[in-house]
Amino acid sequence: MVERICIRGGRVLDLDGEAAPHLDVLIEDGAVLELLAPEAAEGISARVIDASDCLLMPGMVNAHTHGHGSLGRGMGDRWSLDLLLNAGPWISGMRTLEHKYIAAALNAAEMILKGCTAAYDLYFEFPAPTPEGMDAVARAYRDVGVRTVIAPMLADLSLYEAIPGLMDSLPEPLKREAAKFHLNPFEETAKACERFLASWSHPLDEAKPALAPTIPLHCSDPFLERCRDLARAHGIGLHTHLAESKTQAVSALKRYGKTLTAHMDDLGLLGPNFTAAHGIWLDDDDIALMAERGCSVAHNPGSNLRLGTGVAPVRKLLDAGVCVGVGSDGTNSSDNQNMFEALRLAANVSRLCDLDVNRWVSAREALEMATLNGARMLDLPARIGELAPGARADIVFLDLNNVNLVPFNNPLNLLVYSEDASSVKSVMVNGRLVLEDRRFTSFDYAGLRKKAQEAAGWLRERTEENRKTAMRLEGFVARHCLCLCRENYPVKRLVCD
């Protein structure tokens, strides 16, 4: 029997009108059937959910996260991107299958608590993705209630091999230690991807696979071409960290004689299924090329600031017609999975790029990036990212009594500039309340919290040698990459430039 639900008494966010009229939401079989004036809903046979004193908005779509990063919360302080990557074998290593599930579930739980119902997760499983590991990640997201595209991070070159001259710059004892972090040959990893893709059994509207050649410099050209061919054969997305840092931008010119974007296009990777995370150090030709190929960019202002990588040219990307979404990035690189914080930063950092207020990212644009644009990038069979007839009922209930929303002025401005996720009261996914009055309805969060703390202690002990090695390498990595960053590059993305 098809279930009907009527959410009554709430105000529904209207992006176009920058308003929040009182409307009742009629849901049938997990989808929004109608938005009705309150009096029109009288007499309809349906289970009623009271949304009095609530603002209803579509669940946000996180365009870029790393589920494995949740267990690395608070591990680093003054880390650049290069130093975060140097610490990778320490903060993300030695994971058991249970740890992989715990990390993904913790990531998902935080997103639900903060109003996000779908995410593109670039999950790291060392040394290569496995059917069991990727299944554990998908189960974790589904158990909590978050829709996800899961793209295992892939590489066949380590950080020390990827950055020109870095391995050679290390003193001999450290060079041997860095060499221990070598990765599998690309054919082995490609075969592992084939196995995981062939074994995928989750409903595609809840959990869909993709591939993430993690950073182009960390992948040999034959490996990138294999990722391209696998994605085409399976009809799935490609997601990579493109032009995230000046280190990467300068290194690309040294290795390829052209930008990373131009090189990726030469290899045939750019297309409508291609998402570039960060996209900070793109020049005008890169942006035009990405627009021409129908690519998307996942804007991660929180981690860009945290890691000092620069300010992305979001207005130029939008003007060119590139689909731009908003991501939280991993908790080990931007500290949380708070899409409201990401929204605010996405709007505010744009003010550093132009004195013309008309070129700043508006509240509406930021919300569109975090909902409709993110939904385009995930490309799930389910229609998500909007609260409208025909869309899946992925709905966030915000408490209008919370001080963030008092007084209730322009709702778009309030959500982008004032809200910090503390107003999130309940969350519905596919017509089912997964969070009600800030309590999970069918997921044991208290048990997860205990397991996550135990996992963190267990991993600290077993990754201690990796930590010591990372600390010995850190100064050399920092100095070498700083020298690269001091070289001239055609575009400027840092305030200090």
Protein backbone atom coordinates (compact mmCIF):
# COMPACT_ATOMS: atom_id res chain seq x y z
CA MET A 1 0.00 0.00 0.00
CA VAL A 2 1.34 3.43 -1.01
CA GLU A 3 1.81 5.70 2.02
CA ARG A 4 0.70 9.31 1.95
CA ILE A 5 2.19 11.85 4.33
CA CYS A 6 1.17 15.46 4.82
CA ILE A 7 3.68 17.82 6.45
CA ARG A 8 1.46 20.51 7.91
CA GLY A 9 1.93 23.94 9.44
CA GLY A 10 5.39 24.73 8.09
CA ARG A 11 6.90 27.39 5.87
CA VAL A 12 8.48 26.22 2.60
CA LEU A 13 11.62 27.86 1.23
CA ASP A 14 11.03 29.54 -2.14
CA LEU A 15 14.35 30.27 -3.84
CA ASP A 16 12.82 32.20 -6.72
CA GLY A 17 10.67 34.43 -4.57
CA GLU A 18 13.21 34.75 -1.73
CA ALA A 19 10.32 33.92 0.56
CA ALA A 20 8.94 31.13 2.74
CA PRO A 21 5.17 30.93 2.43
CA HIS A 22 3.04 28.74 4.67
CA LEU A 23 2.45 25.60 2.62
CA ASP A 24 1.62 21.99 3.39
CA VAL A 25 3.70 19.30 1.69
CA LEU A 26 1.88 16.22 0.42
CA ILE A 27 4.16 13.21 -0.02
CA GLU A 28 3.34 9.93 -1.73
CA ASP A 29 5.66 6.93 -1.98
CA GLY A 30 8.70 8.97 -0.90
CA ALA A 31 8.20 11.79 -3.41
CA VAL A 32 6.68 15.25 -3.14
CA LEU A 33 3.24 15.09 -4.73
CA GLU A 34 2.00 18.63 -4.15
CA LEU A 35 2.66 21.85 -2.28
CA LEU A 36 -0.71 23.00 -0.98
CA ALA A 37 -2.13 26.07 0.66
CA PRO A 38 -3.00 25.05 4.25
CA GLU A 39 -6.75 25.18 3.66
CA ALA A 40 -6.40 23.01 0.52
CA ALA A 41 -4.90 20.18 2.57
CA GLU A 42 -7.94 19.90 4.81
CA GLY A 43 -9.65 16.53 4.49
CA ILE A 44 -6.83 14.80 2.59
CA SER A 45 -6.30 11.27 3.87
CA ALA A 46 -2.66 11.08 4.95
CA ARG A 47 -0.43 10.59 7.97
CA VAL A 48 0.23 14.05 9.39
CA ILE A 49 3.62 15.36 10.47
CA ASP A 50 3.42 18.62 12.40
CA ALA A 51 5.87 21.25 11.14
CA SER A 52 4.54 24.20 13.11
CA ASP A 53 7.29 26.77 13.72
CA CYS A 54 9.50 25.07 11.13
CA LEU A 55 11.11 26.26 7.92
CA LEU A 56 11.29 23.45 5.34
CA MET A 57 14.12 23.39 2.83
CA PRO A 58 15.52 20.73 0.49
CA GLY A 59 18.25 18.55 1.91
CA MET A 60 21.60 19.96 0.85
CA VAL A 61 23.91 18.10 -1.53
CA ASN A 62 27.58 17.94 -0.57
CA ALA A 63 29.55 18.06 -3.83
CA HIS A 64 32.83 16.86 -2.32
CA THR A 65 33.71 15.03 0.88
CA HIS A 66 35.99 12.25 2.14
CA GLY A 67 34.26 9.78 4.43
CA HIS A 68 37.51 8.29 5.66
CA GLY A 69 38.52 11.72 7.00
CA SER A 70 36.03 11.68 9.87
CA LEU A 71 38.38 9.66 12.08
CA GLY A 72 41.14 12.22 11.43
CA ARG A 73 39.28 15.15 12.96
CA GLY A 74 41.62 17.56 14.77
CA MET A 75 44.83 15.75 13.79
CA GLY A 76 46.66 18.71 12.26
CA ASP A 77 47.19 22.41 12.82
CA ARG A 78 49.33 24.39 10.38
CA TRP A 79 49.15 21.94 7.50
CA SER A 80 49.29 22.98 3.88
CA LEU A 81 47.75 20.56 1.38
CA ASP A 82 51.20 19.06 0.80
CA LEU A 83 51.70 18.46 4.52
CA LEU A 84 48.22 16.94 4.81
CA LEU A 85 49.14 14.51 2.01
CA ASN A 86 52.45 13.80 3.72
CA ALA A 87 50.51 12.85 6.85
CA GLY A 88 48.15 10.58 4.92
CA PRO A 89 49.73 7.22 5.86
CA TRP A 90 49.48 8.31 9.50
CA ILE A 91 45.99 9.80 9.71
CA SER A 92 44.30 7.44 7.22
CA GLY A 93 46.32 4.25 7.43
CA MET A 94 45.88 0.82 9.02
CA ARG A 95 42.07 0.79 8.67
CA THR A 96 40.17 -2.46 9.19
CA LEU A 97 36.90 -3.16 7.39
CA GLU A 98 35.01 -2.11 10.53
CA HIS A 99 36.94 1.17 10.68
CA LYS A 100 35.94 1.92 7.09
CA TYR A 101 32.29 1.47 8.00
CA ILE A 102 32.63 3.54 11.20
CA ALA A 103 34.34 6.44 9.42
CA ALA A 104 31.72 6.59 6.66
CA ALA A 105 28.85 6.33 9.15
CA LEU A 106 30.29 9.12 11.29
CA ASN A 107 30.66 11.31 8.20
CA ALA A 108 27.07 10.59 7.20
CA ALA A 109 25.70 11.17 10.70
CA GLU A 110 27.29 14.61 10.92
CA MET A 111 25.84 15.56 7.55
CA ILE A 112 22.33 14.55 8.59
CA LEU A 113 22.64 16.47 11.85
CA LYS A 114 23.64 19.52 9.80
CA GLY A 115 21.01 19.37 7.09
CA CYS A 116 22.74 17.50 4.27
CA THR A 117 21.08 14.44 2.71
CA ALA A 118 23.34 13.54 -0.25
CA ALA A 119 27.08 13.59 -0.91
CA TYR A 120 29.83 12.82 -3.42
CA ASP A 121 32.37 10.90 -1.32
CA LEU A 122 35.94 10.35 -2.48
CA TYR A 123 36.78 7.54 -0.08
CA PHE A 124 40.36 6.34 0.43
CA GLU A 125 40.99 2.65 0.80
CA PHE A 126 44.64 1.58 0.86
CA PRO A 127 46.27 0.10 -1.16
CA ALA A 128 43.31 -0.21 -3.57
CA PRO A 129 39.51 -0.30 -3.44
CA THR A 130 37.96 -3.65 -2.60
CA PRO A 131 34.39 -4.88 -3.08
CA GLU A 132 34.17 -5.46 0.68
CA GLY A 133 35.49 -2.00 1.60
CA MET A 134 33.31 -0.07 -0.84
CA ASP A 135 30.30 -2.15 0.21
CA ALA A 136 30.97 -1.23 3.86
CA VAL A 137 31.07 2.46 2.94
CA ALA A 138 27.81 2.23 0.97
CA ARG A 139 26.10 0.32 3.81
CA ALA A 140 27.20 2.96 6.31
CA TYR A 141 25.68 5.80 4.30
CA ARG A 142 22.47 3.87 3.68
CA ASP A 143 22.18 2.87 7.35
CA VAL A 144 22.36 6.52 8.40
CA GLY A 145 20.16 7.71 5.55
CA VAL A 146 22.43 9.75 3.26
CA ARG A 147 22.32 9.26 -0.50
CA THR A 148 25.82 9.04 -1.90
CA VAL A 149 28.05 8.67 -4.90
CA ILE A 150 31.10 6.72 -3.74
CA ALA A 151 34.29 7.27 -5.71
CA PRO A 152 37.36 5.46 -4.37
CA MET A 153 40.50 7.59 -4.50
CA LEU A 154 43.02 6.11 -6.94
CA ALA A 155 46.68 6.73 -7.66
CA ASP A 156 49.81 4.88 -8.76
CA LEU A 157 52.36 7.53 -7.72
CA SER A 158 53.06 8.65 -4.17
CA LEU A 159 53.31 12.29 -3.12
CA TYR A 160 57.11 12.02 -3.20
CA GLU A 161 57.08 10.71 -6.78
CA ALA A 162 54.35 13.07 -7.99
CA ILE A 163 55.95 16.41 -7.12
CA PRO A 164 58.91 17.09 -9.42
CA GLY A 165 62.23 16.90 -7.59
CA LEU A 166 60.78 16.08 -4.17
CA MET A 167 62.14 12.54 -3.84
CA ASP A 168 65.57 13.64 -5.03
CA SER A 169 65.61 16.47 -2.51
CA LEU A 170 65.32 14.10 0.44
CA PRO A 171 68.45 12.96 2.31
CA GLU A 172 69.22 9.28 1.76
CA PRO A 173 67.74 7.81 4.97
CA LEU A 174 64.48 9.70 4.46
CA LYS A 175 64.42 8.85 0.76
CA ARG A 176 64.29 5.17 1.70
CA GLU A 177 61.50 5.84 4.20
CA ALA A 178 59.46 7.80 1.64
CA ALA A 179 59.93 4.99 -0.87
CA LYS A 180 58.11 2.62 1.52
CA PHE A 181 54.89 4.50 0.77
CA HIS A 182 54.86 3.33 -2.84
CA LEU A 183 51.52 2.44 -4.42
CA ASN A 184 50.38 -0.52 -6.48
CA PRO A 185 51.14 -0.60 -10.21
CA PHE A 186 48.23 0.95 -12.11
CA GLU A 187 47.13 -2.34 -13.68
CA GLU A 188 46.60 -3.89 -10.25
CA THR A 189 44.52 -0.94 -9.08
CA ALA A 190 42.56 -0.88 -12.35
CA LYS A 191 41.70 -4.56 -11.92
CA ALA A 192 40.63 -3.87 -8.33
CA CYS A 193 38.30 -1.16 -9.67
CA GLU A 194 36.82 -3.59 -12.17
CA ARG A 195 36.10 -6.05 -9.35
CA PHE A 196 34.43 -3.47 -7.14
CA LEU A 197 32.32 -2.09 -10.01
CA ALA A 198 31.24 -5.56 -11.12
CA SER A 199 30.16 -6.46 -7.58
CA TRP A 200 28.09 -3.30 -6.92
CA SER A 201 24.63 -4.29 -5.70
CA HIS A 202 23.22 -1.18 -3.98
CA PRO A 203 20.19 0.71 -5.35
CA LEU A 204 21.63 3.43 -7.56
CA ASP A 205 19.28 6.10 -6.22
CA GLU A 206 20.77 5.53 -2.76
CA ALA A 207 24.41 4.65 -3.44
CA LYS A 208 26.09 4.93 -6.82
CA PRO A 209 29.73 4.19 -7.72
CA ALA A 210 32.18 6.50 -9.47
CA LEU A 211 35.98 6.74 -9.81
CA ALA A 212 38.35 9.34 -8.36
CA PRO A 213 41.87 9.46 -9.80
CA THR A 214 42.76 11.46 -6.74
CA ILE A 215 45.16 14.12 -8.10
CA PRO A 216 46.24 14.02 -11.76
CA LEU A 217 49.92 14.40 -10.82
CA HIS A 218 49.61 11.30 -8.63
CA CYS A 219 48.45 9.22 -11.59
CA SER A 220 50.50 8.11 -14.57
CA ASP A 221 48.96 8.87 -17.96
CA PRO A 222 48.19 5.19 -18.69
CA PHE A 223 46.39 4.99 -15.36
CA LEU A 224 44.32 8.12 -16.09
CA GLU A 225 43.38 6.64 -19.45
CA ARG A 226 42.28 3.41 -17.77
CA CYS A 227 40.11 5.41 -15.35
CA ARG A 228 38.60 7.24 -18.33
CA ASP A 229 37.81 3.97 -20.11
CA LEU A 230 36.37 2.31 -16.99
CA ALA A 231 34.11 5.31 -16.33
CA ARG A 232 32.83 5.26 -19.89
CA ALA A 233 32.28 1.50 -19.89
CA HIS A 234 30.23 1.66 -16.69
CA GLY A 235 28.52 5.00 -17.34
CA ILE A 236 29.79 6.56 -14.12
CA GLY A 237 31.43 9.79 -13.00
CA LEU A 238 35.05 10.85 -12.69
CA HIS A 239 36.05 13.15 -9.83
CA THR A 240 39.54 14.51 -9.18
CA HIS A 241 41.33 17.24 -7.24
CA LEU A 242 42.18 19.59 -10.10
CA ALA A 243 44.44 22.64 -9.74
CA GLU A 244 43.87 22.66 -5.99
CA SER A 245 47.20 24.20 -5.03
CA LYS A 246 49.95 26.29 -6.52
CA THR A 247 52.29 23.33 -5.95
CA GLN A 248 50.13 21.30 -8.34
CA ALA A 249 49.83 24.12 -10.86
CA VAL A 250 53.58 24.76 -11.07
CA SER A 251 54.36 21.03 -11.06
CA ALA A 252 52.05 20.52 -14.05
CA LEU A 253 53.95 23.07 -16.14
CA LYS A 254 57.21 21.34 -15.24
CA ARG A 255 55.92 17.85 -16.05
CA TYR A 256 53.56 18.43 -18.96
CA GLY A 257 54.49 21.86 -20.30
CA LYS A 258 50.84 22.87 -19.93
CA THR A 259 48.15 23.20 -17.28
CA LEU A 260 46.63 20.19 -15.55
CA THR A 261 43.29 20.96 -17.21
CA ALA A 262 44.80 21.05 -20.70
CA HIS A 263 46.65 17.79 -20.03
CA MET A 264 43.52 16.07 -18.75
CA ASP A 265 41.71 17.20 -21.89
CA ASP A 266 44.49 15.80 -24.06
CA LEU A 267 43.87 12.45 -22.37
CA GLY A 268 40.14 12.67 -23.03
CA LEU A 269 38.97 12.86 -19.42
CA LEU A 270 37.03 16.13 -19.56
CA GLY A 271 33.31 15.77 -20.19
CA PRO A 272 29.85 16.02 -18.61
CA ASN A 273 30.69 13.22 -16.17
CA PHE A 274 33.84 15.01 -14.96
CA THR A 275 33.94 16.88 -11.65
CA ALA A 276 36.95 18.93 -10.60
CA ALA A 277 37.31 19.47 -6.88
CA HIS A 278 38.59 22.92 -5.87
CA GLY A 279 39.60 24.30 -9.29
CA ILE A 280 41.49 27.18 -7.70
CA TRP A 281 44.50 27.58 -10.00
CA LEU A 282 42.53 27.52 -13.26
CA ASP A 283 43.35 30.14 -15.87
CA ASP A 284 40.84 31.64 -18.29
CA ASP A 285 41.61 29.04 -20.98
CA ASP A 286 41.09 26.23 -18.45
CA ILE A 287 37.72 27.68 -17.46
CA ALA A 288 36.60 28.05 -21.06
CA LEU A 289 37.68 24.48 -21.80
CA MET A 290 35.80 23.09 -18.82
CA ALA A 291 32.67 25.00 -19.85
CA GLU A 292 32.96 23.75 -23.42
CA ARG A 293 33.29 20.14 -22.23
CA GLY A 294 30.37 20.41 -19.78
CA CYS A 295 32.48 19.77 -16.66
CA SER A 296 31.55 20.64 -13.08
CA VAL A 297 33.54 22.13 -10.21
CA ALA A 298 33.11 21.29 -6.52
CA HIS A 299 33.96 24.47 -4.58
CA ASN A 300 35.40 23.78 -1.11
CA PRO A 301 36.01 27.16 0.51
CA GLY A 302 36.50 25.74 4.01
CA SER A 303 39.44 23.51 3.18
CA ASN A 304 40.82 26.06 0.70
CA LEU A 305 41.15 28.47 3.63
CA ARG A 306 42.25 25.83 6.13
CA LEU A 307 45.06 24.55 3.88
CA GLY A 308 45.99 27.95 2.44
CA THR A 309 45.49 26.87 -1.17
CA GLY A 310 43.84 30.07 -2.39
CA VAL A 311 40.49 31.48 -3.47
CA ALA A 312 38.71 29.79 -6.37
CA PRO A 313 37.51 31.94 -9.32
CA VAL A 314 33.87 31.02 -8.77
CA ARG A 315 32.37 34.06 -10.53
CA LYS A 316 34.41 33.34 -13.65
CA LEU A 317 33.30 29.71 -13.57
CA LEU A 318 29.63 30.68 -13.20
CA ASP A 319 29.89 33.31 -15.94
CA ALA A 320 31.37 30.69 -18.27
CA GLY A 321 28.46 28.34 -17.61
CA VAL A 322 30.33 25.79 -15.50
CA CYS A 323 28.15 23.95 -12.96
CA VAL A 324 29.57 24.82 -9.53
CA GLY A 325 28.59 22.90 -6.40
CA VAL A 326 29.63 23.37 -2.78
CA GLY A 327 31.52 20.78 -0.75
CA SER A 328 32.62 20.43 2.84
CA ASP A 329 35.73 18.45 1.89
CA GLY A 330 37.02 15.92 4.43
CA THR A 331 36.83 16.44 8.17
CA ASN A 332 40.60 15.91 8.32
CA SER A 333 41.09 18.91 6.00
CA SER A 334 38.26 21.32 6.86
CA ASP A 335 37.26 20.12 10.33
CA ASN A 336 33.56 19.41 9.84
CA GLN A 337 30.72 18.39 7.55
CA ASN A 338 28.75 21.60 8.03
CA MET A 339 27.27 22.64 4.71
CA PHE A 340 25.81 25.80 6.28
CA GLU A 341 29.34 26.90 7.09
CA ALA A 342 30.43 25.99 3.54
CA LEU A 343 27.55 28.09 2.18
CA ARG A 344 28.56 31.14 4.18
CA LEU A 345 32.20 30.82 3.19
CA ALA A 346 31.31 30.28 -0.47
CA ALA A 347 29.46 33.60 -0.45
CA ASN A 348 31.94 35.54 1.65
CA VAL A 349 35.27 34.52 0.10
CA SER A 350 33.99 35.73 -3.27
CA ARG A 351 34.29 39.24 -1.85
CA LEU A 352 38.07 38.87 -1.87
CA CYS A 353 38.10 38.53 -5.67
CA ASP A 354 36.33 41.67 -6.84
CA LEU A 355 35.39 45.14 -5.60
CA ASP A 356 32.22 45.05 -7.72
CA VAL A 357 29.46 43.83 -5.41
CA ASN A 358 27.53 42.53 -8.42
CA ARG A 359 30.25 39.94 -8.96
CA TRP A 360 30.08 38.54 -5.45
CA VAL A 361 28.33 35.20 -4.94
CA SER A 362 24.81 35.94 -3.78
CA ALA A 363 22.85 34.05 -1.16
CA ARG A 364 20.64 32.54 -3.84
CA GLU A 365 23.62 31.41 -5.90
CA ALA A 366 25.22 29.83 -2.84
CA LEU A 367 22.02 27.93 -1.99
CA GLU A 368 21.63 26.80 -5.60
CA MET A 369 25.20 25.53 -5.58
CA ALA A 370 24.50 23.56 -2.39
CA THR A 371 21.26 22.03 -3.69
CA LEU A 372 20.38 21.98 -7.39
CA ASN A 373 23.95 22.20 -8.72
CA GLY A 374 25.19 19.53 -6.34
CA ALA A 375 22.33 17.30 -7.45
CA ARG A 376 23.40 17.71 -11.08
CA MET A 377 26.92 16.63 -10.19
CA LEU A 378 25.83 13.49 -8.34
CA ASP A 379 23.58 12.55 -11.28
CA LEU A 380 21.54 10.09 -9.22
CA PRO A 381 18.44 8.46 -10.72
CA ALA A 382 16.44 10.16 -7.94
CA ARG A 383 15.45 13.81 -8.42
CA ILE A 384 16.96 15.59 -5.42
CA GLY A 385 18.15 19.04 -4.34
CA GLU A 386 14.75 20.72 -4.52
CA LEU A 387 11.50 20.80 -2.62
CA ALA A 388 9.01 20.66 -5.48
CA PRO A 389 6.42 18.30 -6.95
CA GLY A 390 8.14 15.27 -8.46
CA ALA A 391 11.30 15.55 -6.36
CA ARG A 392 12.16 12.98 -3.71
CA ALA A 393 11.07 14.04 -0.23
CA ASP A 394 14.53 14.85 1.14
CA ILE A 395 13.57 17.67 3.49
CA VAL A 396 15.26 19.54 6.33
CA PHE A 397 13.09 20.95 9.15
CA LEU A 398 14.61 24.08 10.73
CA ASP A 399 13.36 25.37 14.08
CA LEU A 400 12.11 28.92 13.62
CA ASN A 401 12.43 29.48 17.37
CA ASN A 402 16.21 29.19 17.12
CA VAL A 403 17.94 32.53 17.57
CA ASN A 404 19.63 32.15 14.15
CA LEU A 405 16.26 32.71 12.48
CA VAL A 406 14.89 35.45 14.76
CA PRO A 407 13.63 37.82 13.49
CA PHE A 408 12.53 35.94 10.38
CA ASN A 409 13.59 38.33 7.64
CA ASN A 410 14.78 37.27 4.16
CA PRO A 411 15.03 33.46 4.46
CA LEU A 412 17.78 33.07 1.84
CA ASN A 413 20.02 35.56 3.62
CA LEU A 414 19.29 33.95 6.98
CA LEU A 415 20.20 30.45 5.76
CA VAL A 416 23.45 31.55 4.13
CA TYR A 417 24.72 34.20 6.53
CA SER A 418 23.10 33.42 9.89
CA GLU A 419 22.39 29.69 10.10
CA ASP A 420 25.08 27.45 11.59
CA ALA A 421 23.15 24.13 11.57
CA SER A 422 21.98 24.48 15.17
CA SER A 423 18.43 25.11 13.89
CA VAL A 424 18.24 21.67 12.26
CA LYS A 425 15.44 19.89 14.11
CA SER A 426 14.44 16.95 11.89
CA VAL A 427 15.52 15.51 8.57
CA MET A 428 13.52 13.45 6.11
CA VAL A 429 15.04 11.31 3.34
CA ASN A 430 12.85 9.65 0.73
CA GLY A 431 9.77 10.45 2.80
CA ARG A 432 11.15 8.87 5.99
CA LEU A 433 12.22 10.82 9.06
CA VAL A 434 15.80 9.73 9.72
CA LEU A 435 16.27 12.46 12.34
CA GLU A 436 13.40 13.57 14.58
CA ASP A 437 13.88 16.29 17.19
CA ARG A 438 17.66 15.86 16.73
CA ARG A 439 17.55 12.13 17.48
CA PHE A 440 18.22 9.45 14.90
CA THR A 441 15.14 7.32 14.43
CA SER A 442 16.74 4.02 13.38
CA PHE A 443 20.48 4.48 13.78
CA ASP A 444 22.44 4.01 17.00
CA TYR A 445 24.47 7.20 17.17
CA ALA A 446 25.57 6.60 20.78
CA GLY A 447 26.99 3.22 19.76
CA LEU A 448 28.72 4.79 16.75
CA ARG A 449 30.29 7.50 18.92
CA LYS A 450 31.72 4.86 21.26
CA LYS A 451 33.07 2.78 18.37
CA ALA A 452 34.62 5.84 16.73
CA GLN A 453 36.47 6.77 19.94
CA GLU A 454 37.74 3.20 20.33
CA ALA A 455 38.81 3.12 16.68
CA ALA A 456 40.74 6.39 17.07
CA GLY A 457 42.68 4.99 20.04
CA TRP A 458 43.41 1.70 18.27
CA LEU A 459 44.63 3.52 15.15
CA ARG A 460 46.83 5.94 17.10
CA GLU A 461 48.82 3.03 18.49
CA ARG A 462 49.22 1.24 15.17
CA THR A 463 50.05 4.30 13.07
CA GLU A 464 52.68 5.67 15.46
CA GLU A 465 55.59 4.70 13.21
CA ASN A 466 53.88 6.33 10.24
CA ARG A 467 53.39 9.45 12.35
CA LYS A 468 57.08 9.58 13.25
CA THR A 469 58.06 9.12 9.61
CA ALA A 470 55.68 11.88 8.53
CA MET A 471 57.15 14.22 11.13
CA ARG A 472 60.68 13.50 9.88
CA LEU A 473 59.62 14.20 6.29
CA GLU A 474 57.47 17.24 7.03
CA GLY A 475 60.15 19.92 7.02
CA PHE A 476 61.66 18.71 3.75
CA VAL A 477 58.26 18.50 2.06
CA ALA A 478 57.32 21.99 3.30
CA ARG A 479 60.56 23.59 2.08
CA HIS A 480 60.53 21.92 -1.33
CA CYS A 481 56.89 22.82 -2.01
CA LEU A 482 57.39 26.37 -0.76
CA CYS A 483 60.20 26.80 -3.28
CA LEU A 484 57.88 25.61 -6.05
CA CYS A 485 55.15 27.97 -4.88
CA ARG A 486 57.51 30.93 -5.05
CA GLU A 487 57.89 30.44 -8.79
CA ASN A 488 55.85 32.66 -11.09
CA TYR A 489 52.50 31.40 -12.33
CA PRO A 490 50.16 33.22 -14.73
CA VAL A 491 47.21 33.47 -12.33
CA LYS A 492 47.08 34.82 -8.78
CA ARG A 493 44.85 33.10 -6.22
CA LEU A 494 46.43 34.10 -2.89
CA VAL A 495 46.10 37.38 -1.04
CA CYS A 496 49.86 37.46 -0.62
CA ASP A 497 50.27 37.44 -4.42
